PDB file of N, CA and C in Angstrom:
ATOM      1  N   MET A   1      53.914  49.164 -90.644  1.00  0.00           N
ATOM      2  CA  MET A   1      52.656  49.232 -89.958  1.00  0.00           C
ATOM      3  C   MET A   1      52.919  49.541 -88.509  1.00  0.00           C
ATOM      4  N   LEU A   2      52.113  50.431 -87.924  1.00  0.00           N
ATOM      5  CA  LEU A   2      52.277  50.867 -86.573  1.00  0.00           C
ATOM      6  C   LEU A   2      51.431  50.018 -85.618  1.00  0.00           C
ATOM      7  N   HIS A   3      51.922  49.733 -84.438  1.00  0.00           N
ATOM      8  CA  HIS A   3      51.182  49.002 -83.409  1.00  0.00           C
ATOM      9  C   HIS A   3      51.399  49.710 -82.086  1.00  0.00           C
ATOM     10  N   ALA A   4      50.375  49.709 -81.300  1.00  0.00           N
ATOM     11  CA  ALA A   4      50.483  50.227 -79.945  1.00  0.00           C
ATOM     12  C   ALA A   4      50.642  49.099 -78.947  1.00  0.00           C
ATOM     13  N   TYR A   5      51.548  49.210 -77.999  1.00  0.00           N
ATOM     14  CA  TYR A   5      51.743  48.203 -77.017  1.00  0.00           C
ATOM     15  C   TYR A   5      52.161  48.922 -75.740  1.00  0.00           C
ATOM     16  N   LYS A   6      51.345  48.749 -74.689  1.00  0.00           N
ATOM     17  CA  LYS A   6      51.548  49.491 -73.486  1.00  0.00           C
ATOM     18  C   LYS A   6      51.549  50.968 -73.789  1.00  0.00           C
ATOM     19  N   ILE A   7      52.564  51.660 -73.392  1.00  0.00           N
ATOM     20  CA  ILE A   7      52.628  53.106 -73.789  1.00  0.00           C
ATOM     21  C   ILE A   7      53.504  53.339 -74.987  1.00  0.00           C
ATOM     22  N   TYR A   8      53.935  52.309 -75.681  1.00  0.00           N
ATOM     23  CA  TYR A   8      54.883  52.425 -76.753  1.00  0.00           C
ATOM     24  C   TYR A   8      54.198  52.299 -78.104  1.00  0.00           C
ATOM     25  N   THR A   9      54.874  52.861 -79.152  1.00  0.00           N
ATOM     26  CA  THR A   9      54.479  52.639 -80.494  1.00  0.00           C
ATOM     27  C   THR A   9      55.568  51.828 -81.193  1.00  0.00           C
ATOM     28  N   ILE A  10      55.128  50.833 -81.883  1.00  0.00           N
ATOM     29  CA  ILE A  10      56.034  49.923 -82.571  1.00  0.00           C
ATOM     30  C   ILE A  10      55.796  50.135 -84.091  1.00  0.00           C
ATOM     31  N   ASP A  11      56.851  50.448 -84.811  1.00  0.00           N
ATOM     32  CA  ASP A  11      56.788  50.504 -86.280  1.00  0.00           C
ATOM     33  C   ASP A  11      57.577  49.254 -86.767  1.00  0.00           C
ATOM     34  N   ALA A  12      56.900  48.301 -87.240  1.00  0.00           N
ATOM     35  CA  ALA A  12      57.566  47.050 -87.702  1.00  0.00           C
ATOM     36  C   ALA A  12      57.506  46.899 -89.195  1.00  0.00           C
ATOM     37  N   THR A  13      57.460  48.027 -89.933  1.00  0.00           N
ATOM     38  CA  THR A  13      57.456  47.986 -91.368  1.00  0.00           C
ATOM     39  C   THR A  13      58.776  47.474 -91.930  1.00  0.00           C
ATOM     40  N   PRO A  14      58.766  46.352 -92.628  1.00  0.00           N
ATOM     41  CA  PRO A  14      60.017  45.777 -93.123  1.00  0.00           C
ATOM     42  C   PRO A  14      60.531  46.576 -94.365  1.00  0.00           C
ATOM     43  N   ASP A  15      61.832  46.418 -94.612  1.00  0.00           N
ATOM     44  CA  ASP A  15      62.474  46.951 -95.809  1.00  0.00           C
ATOM     45  C   ASP A  15      62.498  45.822 -96.847  1.00  0.00           C
ATOM     46  N   PHE A  16      62.526  46.236 -98.114  1.00  0.00           N
ATOM     47  CA  PHE A  16      62.598  45.240 -99.214  1.00  0.00           C
ATOM     48  C   PHE A  16      63.813  45.572-100.052  1.00  0.00           C
ATOM     49  N   SER A  17      64.652  44.516-100.196  1.00  0.00           N
ATOM     50  CA  SER A  17      65.899  44.638-101.022  1.00  0.00           C
ATOM     51  C   SER A  17      66.325  43.268-101.509  1.00  0.00           C
ATOM     52  N   ILE A  18      66.891  43.210-102.583  1.00  0.00           N
ATOM     53  CA  ILE A  18      67.443  41.995-103.221  1.00  0.00           C
ATOM     54  C   ILE A  18      66.514  40.827-103.180  1.00  0.00           C
ATOM     55  N   GLY A  19      65.200  41.129-103.316  1.00  0.00           N
ATOM     56  CA  GLY A  19      64.178  40.041-103.349  1.00  0.00           C
ATOM     57  C   GLY A  19      63.782  39.537-102.012  1.00  0.00           C
ATOM     58  N   LYS A  20      64.142  40.136-100.947  1.00  0.00           N
ATOM     59  CA  LYS A  20      63.826  39.695 -99.574  1.00  0.00           C
ATOM     60  C   LYS A  20      63.277  40.879 -98.740  1.00  0.00           C
ATOM     61  N   PHE A  21      62.478  40.486 -97.779  1.00  0.00           N
ATOM     62  CA  PHE A  21      61.990  41.500 -96.738  1.00  0.00           C
ATOM     63  C   PHE A  21      62.818  41.408 -95.563  1.00  0.00           C
ATOM     64  N   PHE A  22      63.315  42.562 -95.062  1.00  0.00           N
ATOM     65  CA  PHE A  22      64.183  42.602 -93.912  1.00  0.00           C
ATOM     66  C   PHE A  22      63.438  43.183 -92.704  1.00  0.00           C
ATOM     67  N   ALA A  23      63.371  42.356 -91.645  1.00  0.00           N
ATOM     68  CA  ALA A  23      62.677  42.800 -90.427  1.00  0.00           C
ATOM     69  C   ALA A  23      63.513  43.783 -89.681  1.00  0.00           C
ATOM     70  N   HIS A  24      62.884  44.847 -89.253  1.00  0.00           N
ATOM     71  CA  HIS A  24      63.451  45.803 -88.333  1.00  0.00           C
ATOM     72  C   HIS A  24      62.314  46.507 -87.604  1.00  0.00           C
ATOM     73  N   VAL A  25      62.626  47.137 -86.473  1.00  0.00           N
ATOM     74  CA  VAL A  25      61.591  47.839 -85.725  1.00  0.00           C
ATOM     75  C   VAL A  25      62.114  49.169 -85.196  1.00  0.00           C
ATOM     76  N   ARG A  26      61.153  50.061 -85.001  1.00  0.00           N
ATOM     77  CA  ARG A  26      61.438  51.320 -84.315  1.00  0.00           C
ATOM     78  C   ARG A  26      60.419  51.357 -83.157  1.00  0.00           C
ATOM     79  N   ILE A  27      60.964  51.457 -81.946  1.00  0.00           N
ATOM     80  CA  ILE A  27      60.111  51.475 -80.738  1.00  0.00           C
ATOM     81  C   ILE A  27      60.229  52.911 -80.180  1.00  0.00           C
ATOM     82  N   SER A  28      59.036  53.542 -80.007  1.00  0.00           N
ATOM     83  CA  SER A  28      59.032  54.907 -79.481  1.00  0.00           C
ATOM     84  C   SER A  28      58.209  55.001 -78.225  1.00  0.00           C
ATOM     85  N   ARG A  29      58.611  55.870 -77.325  1.00  0.00           N
ATOM     86  CA  ARG A  29      57.789  56.115 -76.147  1.00  0.00           C
ATOM     87  C   ARG A  29      57.555  57.599 -76.049  1.00  0.00           C
ATOM     88  N   PRO A  30      56.418  57.996 -75.447  1.00  0.00           N
ATOM     89  CA  PRO A  30      56.090  59.348 -75.304  1.00  0.00           C
ATOM     90  C   PRO A  30      57.027  60.086 -74.292  1.00  0.00           C
ATOM     91  N   PRO A  31      56.999  61.393 -74.274  1.00  0.00           N
ATOM     92  CA  PRO A  31      57.840  62.118 -73.300  1.00  0.00           C
ATOM     93  C   PRO A  31      57.448  61.733 -71.869  1.00  0.00           C
ATOM     94  N   ALA A  32      58.444  61.600 -71.013  1.00  0.00           N
ATOM     95  CA  ALA A  32      58.188  61.426 -69.595  1.00  0.00           C
ATOM     96  C   ALA A  32      57.996  62.780 -68.990  1.00  0.00           C
ATOM     97  N   LYS A  33      57.470  62.809 -67.764  1.00  0.00           N
ATOM     98  CA  LYS A  33      57.267  64.087 -67.116  1.00  0.00           C
ATOM     99  C   LYS A  33      58.580  64.858 -67.033  1.00  0.00           C
ATOM    100  N   GLY A  34      58.541  66.114 -67.458  1.00  0.00           N
ATOM    101  CA  GLY A  34      59.753  66.894 -67.462  1.00  0.00           C
ATOM    102  C   GLY A  34      60.570  66.830 -68.727  1.00  0.00           C
ATOM    103  N   GLU A  35      60.164  65.964 -69.664  1.00  0.00           N
ATOM    104  CA  GLU A  35      60.891  65.872 -70.920  1.00  0.00           C
ATOM    105  C   GLU A  35      60.121  66.582 -72.051  1.00  0.00           C
ATOM    106  N   LYS A  36      60.831  67.148 -72.977  1.00  0.00           N
ATOM    107  CA  LYS A  36      60.204  67.740 -74.121  1.00  0.00           C
ATOM    108  C   LYS A  36      59.873  66.692 -75.171  1.00  0.00           C
ATOM    109  N   ASP A  37      60.755  65.740 -75.374  1.00  0.00           N
ATOM    110  CA  ASP A  37      60.575  64.684 -76.351  1.00  0.00           C
ATOM    111  C   ASP A  37      60.664  63.307 -75.703  1.00  0.00           C
ATOM    112  N   GLY A  38      60.058  62.312 -76.380  1.00  0.00           N
ATOM    113  CA  GLY A  38      60.163  60.928 -75.918  1.00  0.00           C
ATOM    114  C   GLY A  38      61.526  60.353 -76.308  1.00  0.00           C
ATOM    115  N   ASP A  39      61.528  59.020 -76.494  1.00  0.00           N
ATOM    116  CA  ASP A  39      62.731  58.351 -76.815  1.00  0.00           C
ATOM    117  C   ASP A  39      62.430  57.307 -77.903  1.00  0.00           C
ATOM    118  N   THR A  40      63.377  56.986 -78.727  1.00  0.00           N
ATOM    119  CA  THR A  40      63.215  56.019 -79.786  1.00  0.00           C
ATOM    120  C   THR A  40      64.372  55.037 -79.845  1.00  0.00           C
ATOM    121  N   PHE A  41      64.108  53.766 -80.058  1.00  0.00           N
ATOM    122  CA  PHE A  41      65.108  52.780 -80.222  1.00  0.00           C
ATOM    123  C   PHE A  41      64.823  52.054 -81.553  1.00  0.00           C
ATOM    124  N   GLU A  42      65.837  51.823 -82.340  1.00  0.00           N
ATOM    125  CA  GLU A  42      65.681  51.119 -83.594  1.00  0.00           C
ATOM    126  C   GLU A  42      66.575  49.880 -83.625  1.00  0.00           C
ATOM    127  N   ALA A  43      65.947  48.790 -83.970  1.00  0.00           N
ATOM    128  CA  ALA A  43      66.710  47.500 -84.118  1.00  0.00           C
ATOM    129  C   ALA A  43      66.617  47.107 -85.576  1.00  0.00           C
ATOM    130  N   ILE A  44      67.776  46.877 -86.198  1.00  0.00           N
ATOM    131  CA  ILE A  44      67.907  46.530 -87.596  1.00  0.00           C
ATOM    132  C   ILE A  44      68.475  45.117 -87.733  1.00  0.00           C
ATOM    133  N   ASP A  45      68.377  44.595 -88.904  1.00  0.00           N
ATOM    134  CA  ASP A  45      68.975  43.274 -89.192  1.00  0.00           C
ATOM    135  C   ASP A  45      68.434  42.219 -88.289  1.00  0.00           C
ATOM    136  N   LEU A  46      67.117  42.155 -88.172  1.00  0.00           N
ATOM    137  CA  LEU A  46      66.497  41.113 -87.367  1.00  0.00           C
ATOM    138  C   LEU A  46      66.231  39.838 -88.121  1.00  0.00           C
ATOM    139  N   GLY A  47      66.451  39.847 -89.395  1.00  0.00           N
ATOM    140  CA  GLY A  47      66.279  38.667 -90.201  1.00  0.00           C
ATOM    141  C   GLY A  47      65.707  38.961 -91.588  1.00  0.00           C
ATOM    142  N   GLN A  48      65.863  37.957 -92.484  1.00  0.00           N
ATOM    143  CA  GLN A  48      65.339  38.083 -93.859  1.00  0.00           C
ATOM    144  C   GLN A  48      64.191  37.124 -94.029  1.00  0.00           C
ATOM    145  N   PHE A  49      63.160  37.588 -94.758  1.00  0.00           N
ATOM    146  CA  PHE A  49      61.978  36.760 -94.958  1.00  0.00           C
ATOM    147  C   PHE A  49      61.528  36.850 -96.417  1.00  0.00           C
ATOM    148  N   ASP A  50      60.868  35.766 -96.832  1.00  0.00           N
ATOM    149  CA  ASP A  50      60.378  35.713 -98.229  1.00  0.00           C
ATOM    150  C   ASP A  50      59.131  36.570 -98.457  1.00  0.00           C
ATOM    151  N   ASN A  51      58.403  36.860 -97.394  1.00  0.00           N
ATOM    152  CA  ASN A  51      57.164  37.669 -97.577  1.00  0.00           C
ATOM    153  C   ASN A  51      57.110  38.783 -96.528  1.00  0.00           C
ATOM    154  N   GLU A  52      56.348  39.807 -96.864  1.00  0.00           N
ATOM    155  CA  GLU A  52      56.282  40.959 -96.016  1.00  0.00           C
ATOM    156  C   GLU A  52      55.655  40.705 -94.675  1.00  0.00           C
ATOM    157  N   TRP A  53      54.568  39.927 -94.663  1.00  0.00           N
ATOM    158  CA  TRP A  53      53.817  39.658 -93.421  1.00  0.00           C
ATOM    159  C   TRP A  53      54.690  38.914 -92.427  1.00  0.00           C
ATOM    160  N   SER A  54      55.512  38.018 -92.880  1.00  0.00           N
ATOM    161  CA  SER A  54      56.409  37.283 -91.965  1.00  0.00           C
ATOM    162  C   SER A  54      57.431  38.209 -91.298  1.00  0.00           C
ATOM    163  N   ALA A  55      58.012  39.075 -92.106  1.00  0.00           N
ATOM    164  CA  ALA A  55      58.986  40.032 -91.608  1.00  0.00           C
ATOM    165  C   ALA A  55      58.314  41.006 -90.629  1.00  0.00           C
ATOM    166  N   GLU A  56      57.125  41.483 -90.922  1.00  0.00           N
ATOM    167  CA  GLU A  56      56.415  42.361 -90.045  1.00  0.00           C
ATOM    168  C   GLU A  56      56.034  41.690 -88.718  1.00  0.00           C
ATOM    169  N   ALA A  57      55.499  40.487 -88.848  1.00  0.00           N
ATOM    170  CA  ALA A  57      55.100  39.741 -87.623  1.00  0.00           C
ATOM    171  C   ALA A  57      56.274  39.453 -86.724  1.00  0.00           C
ATOM    172  N   PHE A  58      57.415  39.072 -87.309  1.00  0.00           N
ATOM    173  CA  PHE A  58      58.618  38.826 -86.534  1.00  0.00           C
ATOM    174  C   PHE A  58      59.107  40.070 -85.806  1.00  0.00           C
ATOM    175  N   GLY A  59      59.108  41.204 -86.567  1.00  0.00           N
ATOM    176  CA  GLY A  59      59.570  42.442 -85.959  1.00  0.00           C
ATOM    177  C   GLY A  59      58.667  42.921 -84.820  1.00  0.00           C
ATOM    178  N   ARG A  60      57.353  42.736 -84.981  1.00  0.00           N
ATOM    179  CA  ARG A  60      56.416  43.129 -83.942  1.00  0.00           C
ATOM    180  C   ARG A  60      56.587  42.234 -82.669  1.00  0.00           C
ATOM    181  N   ALA A  61      56.727  40.918 -82.914  1.00  0.00           N
ATOM    182  CA  ALA A  61      56.909  40.045 -81.744  1.00  0.00           C
ATOM    183  C   ALA A  61      58.219  40.295 -81.058  1.00  0.00           C
ATOM    184  N   TRP A  62      59.260  40.614 -81.794  1.00  0.00           N
ATOM    185  CA  TRP A  62      60.548  40.974 -81.220  1.00  0.00           C
ATOM    186  C   TRP A  62      60.439  42.202 -80.387  1.00  0.00           C
ATOM    187  N   ALA A  63      59.738  43.195 -80.908  1.00  0.00           N
ATOM    188  CA  ALA A  63      59.585  44.489 -80.195  1.00  0.00           C
ATOM    189  C   ALA A  63      58.802  44.284 -78.885  1.00  0.00           C
ATOM    190  N   VAL A  64      57.753  43.517 -78.915  1.00  0.00           N
ATOM    191  CA  VAL A  64      56.948  43.261 -77.698  1.00  0.00           C
ATOM    192  C   VAL A  64      57.832  42.566 -76.654  1.00  0.00           C
ATOM    193  N   ALA A  65      58.612  41.592 -77.069  1.00  0.00           N
ATOM    194  CA  ALA A  65      59.505  40.901 -76.135  1.00  0.00           C
ATOM    195  C   ALA A  65      60.515  41.861 -75.527  1.00  0.00           C
ATOM    196  N   TRP A  66      61.029  42.746 -76.376  1.00  0.00           N
ATOM    197  CA  TRP A  66      62.059  43.741 -75.959  1.00  0.00           C
ATOM    198  C   TRP A  66      61.451  44.698 -74.919  1.00  0.00           C
ATOM    199  N   ILE A  67      60.206  45.151 -75.211  1.00  0.00           N
ATOM    200  CA  ILE A  67      59.546  46.093 -74.267  1.00  0.00           C
ATOM    201  C   ILE A  67      59.285  45.356 -72.964  1.00  0.00           C
ATOM    202  N   ASP A  68      58.801  44.099 -73.021  1.00  0.00           N
ATOM    203  CA  ASP A  68      58.536  43.364 -71.804  1.00  0.00           C
ATOM    204  C   ASP A  68      59.793  43.134 -70.983  1.00  0.00           C
ATOM    205  N   GLU A  69      60.904  42.980 -71.621  1.00  0.00           N
ATOM    206  CA  GLU A  69      62.192  42.734 -70.928  1.00  0.00           C
ATOM    207  C   GLU A  69      62.684  44.051 -70.233  1.00  0.00           C
ATOM    208  N   HIS A  70      62.389  45.187 -70.889  1.00  0.00           N
ATOM    209  CA  HIS A  70      62.932  46.402 -70.336  1.00  0.00           C
ATOM    210  C   HIS A  70      61.987  47.215 -69.440  1.00  0.00           C
ATOM    211  N   TRP A  71      60.720  47.077 -69.650  1.00  0.00           N
ATOM    212  CA  TRP A  71      59.762  47.756 -68.820  1.00  0.00           C
ATOM    213  C   TRP A  71      58.588  46.894 -68.592  1.00  0.00           C
ATOM    214  N   ASP A  72      58.249  46.628 -67.315  1.00  0.00           N
ATOM    215  CA  ASP A  72      57.114  45.777 -67.022  1.00  0.00           C
ATOM    216  C   ASP A  72      56.011  46.563 -66.359  1.00  0.00           C
ATOM    217  N   ARG A  73      56.000  47.895 -66.632  1.00  0.00           N
ATOM    218  CA  ARG A  73      54.941  48.744 -66.086  1.00  0.00           C
ATOM    219  C   ARG A  73      54.404  49.609 -67.221  1.00  0.00           C
ATOM    220  N   ASN A  74      53.367  50.234 -67.018  1.00  0.00           N
ATOM    221  CA  ASN A  74      52.746  51.049 -68.038  1.00  0.00           C
ATOM    222  C   ASN A  74      53.056  52.532 -67.919  1.00  0.00           C
ATOM    223  N   THR A  75      53.995  52.893 -67.097  1.00  0.00           N
ATOM    224  CA  THR A  75      54.402  54.316 -66.914  1.00  0.00           C
ATOM    225  C   THR A  75      55.912  54.405 -67.241  1.00  0.00           C
ATOM    226  N   VAL A  76      56.338  55.601 -67.499  1.00  0.00           N
ATOM    227  CA  VAL A  76      57.736  55.808 -67.812  1.00  0.00           C
ATOM    228  C   VAL A  76      58.166  57.105 -67.058  1.00  0.00           C
ATOM    229  N   THR A  77      59.447  57.080 -66.638  1.00  0.00           N
ATOM    230  CA  THR A  77      59.991  58.236 -65.990  1.00  0.00           C
ATOM    231  C   THR A  77      61.191  58.713 -66.775  1.00  0.00           C
ATOM    232  N   ALA A  78      61.666  59.916 -66.461  1.00  0.00           N
ATOM    233  CA  ALA A  78      62.798  60.447 -67.188  1.00  0.00           C
ATOM    234  C   ALA A  78      64.022  59.563 -66.970  1.00  0.00           C
ATOM    235  N   ALA A  79      64.077  58.809 -65.887  1.00  0.00           N
ATOM    236  CA  ALA A  79      65.205  57.900 -65.622  1.00  0.00           C
ATOM    237  C   ALA A  79      65.220  56.723 -66.548  1.00  0.00           C
ATOM    238  N   ASP A  80      64.103  56.393 -67.200  1.00  0.00           N
ATOM    239  CA  ASP A  80      64.020  55.301 -68.123  1.00  0.00           C
ATOM    240  C   ASP A  80      64.679  55.775 -69.471  1.00  0.00           C
ATOM    241  N   ALA A  81      65.531  54.960 -69.955  1.00  0.00           N
ATOM    242  CA  ALA A  81      66.195  55.301 -71.249  1.00  0.00           C
ATOM    243  C   ALA A  81      66.191  54.033 -72.123  1.00  0.00           C
ATOM    244  N   LEU A  82      65.878  54.201 -73.350  1.00  0.00           N
ATOM    245  CA  LEU A  82      65.856  53.039 -74.233  1.00  0.00           C
ATOM    246  C   LEU A  82      67.342  52.557 -74.386  1.00  0.00           C
ATOM    247  N   SER A  83      67.531  51.258 -74.276  1.00  0.00           N
ATOM    248  CA  SER A  83      68.850  50.708 -74.368  1.00  0.00           C
ATOM    249  C   SER A  83      68.782  49.445 -75.273  1.00  0.00           C
ATOM    250  N   PRO A  84      69.910  49.016 -75.786  1.00  0.00           N
ATOM    251  CA  PRO A  84      69.903  47.851 -76.662  1.00  0.00           C
ATOM    252  C   PRO A  84      69.401  46.603 -75.906  1.00  0.00           C
ATOM    253  N   PRO A  85      68.822  45.637 -76.573  1.00  0.00           N
ATOM    254  CA  PRO A  85      68.385  44.433 -75.890  1.00  0.00           C
ATOM    255  C   PRO A  85      69.515  43.682 -75.249  1.00  0.00           C
ATOM    256  N   ALA A  86      69.164  42.899 -74.219  1.00  0.00           N
ATOM    257  CA  ALA A  86      70.164  42.128 -73.493  1.00  0.00           C
ATOM    258  C   ALA A  86      70.443  40.807 -74.198  1.00  0.00           C
ATOM    259  N   TYR A  87      69.816  40.519 -75.258  1.00  0.00           N
ATOM    260  CA  TYR A  87      69.963  39.303 -75.990  1.00  0.00           C
ATOM    261  C   TYR A  87      70.186  39.568 -77.470  1.00  0.00           C
ATOM    262  N   PRO A  88      70.826  38.692 -78.204  1.00  0.00           N
ATOM    263  CA  PRO A  88      71.036  38.929 -79.673  1.00  0.00           C
ATOM    264  C   PRO A  88      69.777  38.940 -80.383  1.00  0.00           C
ATOM    265  N   ALA A  89      69.710  39.712 -81.490  1.00  0.00           N
ATOM    266  CA  ALA A  89      68.530  39.777 -82.375  1.00  0.00           C
ATOM    267  C   ALA A  89      68.204  38.376 -82.848  1.00  0.00           C
ATOM    268  N   GLY A  90      66.918  38.102 -82.886  1.00  0.00           N
ATOM    269  CA  GLY A  90      66.432  36.812 -83.394  1.00  0.00           C
ATOM    270  C   GLY A  90      66.402  35.682 -82.357  1.00  0.00           C
ATOM    271  N   SER A  91      66.845  36.001 -81.141  1.00  0.00           N
ATOM    272  CA  SER A  91      66.764  34.912 -80.164  1.00  0.00           C
ATOM    273  C   SER A  91      65.471  34.886 -79.394  1.00  0.00           C
TER     274      SER A  91
END
């Protein structure tokens, strides 16, 4: 399921395997001025859940926290690059 947050798009659709739903997210931003393409960051292995909605909700909340930690404004410049979170997944 896709979610919009600030200027970003969050895809928090979980994977299903071995009877569990696995939370992961793909965070995308549109192209900055002077860029042809935007940027995308993907976080995997965020946790296992018994139901899809729990995995999706966890992934979405994790992505929002990640965006808030890395960008606290609603604009982006070419100098902004998606980077791994400064904290371990699930914290």
